[in-house]
Amino acid sequence: MQETMADLYARDLTEARWVKSSKSPYRETCVEVAELAGGAVAIRDSKDKGLPPLRFTAEEWTAFREGVRDGEFG
């Protein structure tokens, strides 16, 4: 059963482990990603942690990563 966006946004992120890319030249001002159960992810702005994180299902995140790898956003 695929998780709905409402389910994804209802998740508590209090205990989420946020990480920044080790490849980012701007370690102070980049996005942070937290892996969630079921392959979903949450993304937040490292400069303004008060903004609500964006959340993506496993399928959305996979499609995004594949698009980056294939040069779709360049």
Protein backbone atom coordinates (compact mmCIF):
# COMPACT_ATOMS: atom_id res chain seq x y z
CA MET A 1 0.00 0.00 0.00
CA GLN A 2 1.48 3.32 -1.10
CA GLU A 3 1.67 6.06 1.47
CA THR A 4 -0.39 9.19 0.77
CA MET A 5 1.06 12.66 1.00
CA ALA A 6 -1.19 13.32 4.00
CA ASP A 7 0.34 10.30 5.74
CA LEU A 8 3.83 11.46 4.85
CA TYR A 9 3.23 14.97 6.19
CA ALA A 10 1.64 13.57 9.35
CA ARG A 11 4.92 11.88 10.32
CA ASP A 12 6.75 13.26 13.33
CA LEU A 13 10.27 14.37 12.37
CA THR A 14 11.42 15.18 15.90
CA GLU A 15 13.86 12.27 15.92
CA ALA A 16 14.87 12.58 12.25
CA ARG A 17 18.60 12.43 11.55
CA TRP A 18 19.40 15.30 9.20
CA VAL A 19 22.52 15.15 7.01
CA LYS A 20 24.19 17.49 4.54
CA SER A 21 25.97 16.37 1.43
CA SER A 22 29.69 15.89 1.95
CA LYS A 23 30.15 17.01 -1.67
CA SER A 24 28.55 20.43 -1.21
CA PRO A 25 31.04 23.31 -1.33
CA TYR A 26 28.56 25.35 0.72
CA ARG A 27 28.26 23.22 3.85
CA GLU A 28 26.83 26.14 5.82
CA THR A 29 24.04 26.92 3.35
CA CYS A 30 22.75 23.79 1.73
CA VAL A 31 19.82 21.46 2.08
CA GLU A 32 19.66 18.71 4.67
CA VAL A 33 18.03 15.35 4.01
CA ALA A 34 16.52 12.89 6.46
CA GLU A 35 15.77 9.33 5.42
CA LEU A 36 12.36 8.16 6.59
CA ALA A 37 10.86 4.71 6.88
CA GLY A 38 9.82 3.06 3.65
CA GLY A 39 12.36 4.95 1.54
CA ALA A 40 10.67 8.34 1.89
CA VAL A 41 12.77 11.43 2.57
CA ALA A 42 12.36 14.87 4.09
CA ILE A 43 14.38 17.87 2.93
CA ARG A 44 14.91 21.17 4.74
CA ASP A 45 16.84 24.40 4.29
CA SER A 46 19.90 24.39 6.55
CA LYS A 47 19.78 28.20 6.83
CA ASP A 48 16.18 28.33 8.07
CA LYS A 49 15.25 25.23 10.02
CA GLY A 50 12.01 26.94 11.04
CA LEU A 51 10.57 26.39 7.56
CA PRO A 52 8.59 23.17 7.22
CA PRO A 53 10.54 20.38 5.51
CA LEU A 54 9.44 19.11 2.13
CA ARG A 55 8.63 15.41 2.06
CA PHE A 56 8.83 12.94 -0.79
CA THR A 57 7.67 9.37 -1.18
CA ALA A 58 10.22 6.72 -2.10
CA GLU A 59 8.95 6.75 -5.69
CA GLU A 60 9.22 10.54 -5.99
CA TRP A 61 12.72 10.55 -4.51
CA THR A 62 13.87 7.79 -6.86
CA ALA A 63 12.47 9.66 -9.87
CA PHE A 64 14.24 12.86 -8.76
CA ARG A 65 17.60 11.11 -8.25
CA GLU A 66 17.35 9.39 -11.63
CA GLY A 67 16.47 12.71 -13.29
CA VAL A 68 19.54 14.35 -11.75
CA ARG A 69 21.73 11.47 -12.84
CA ASP A 70 20.30 11.66 -16.38
CA GLY A 71 20.85 15.44 -16.65
CA GLU A 72 17.16 16.37 -16.80
CA PHE A 73 17.59 19.45 -14.61
CA GLY A 74 20.68 20.98 -16.15
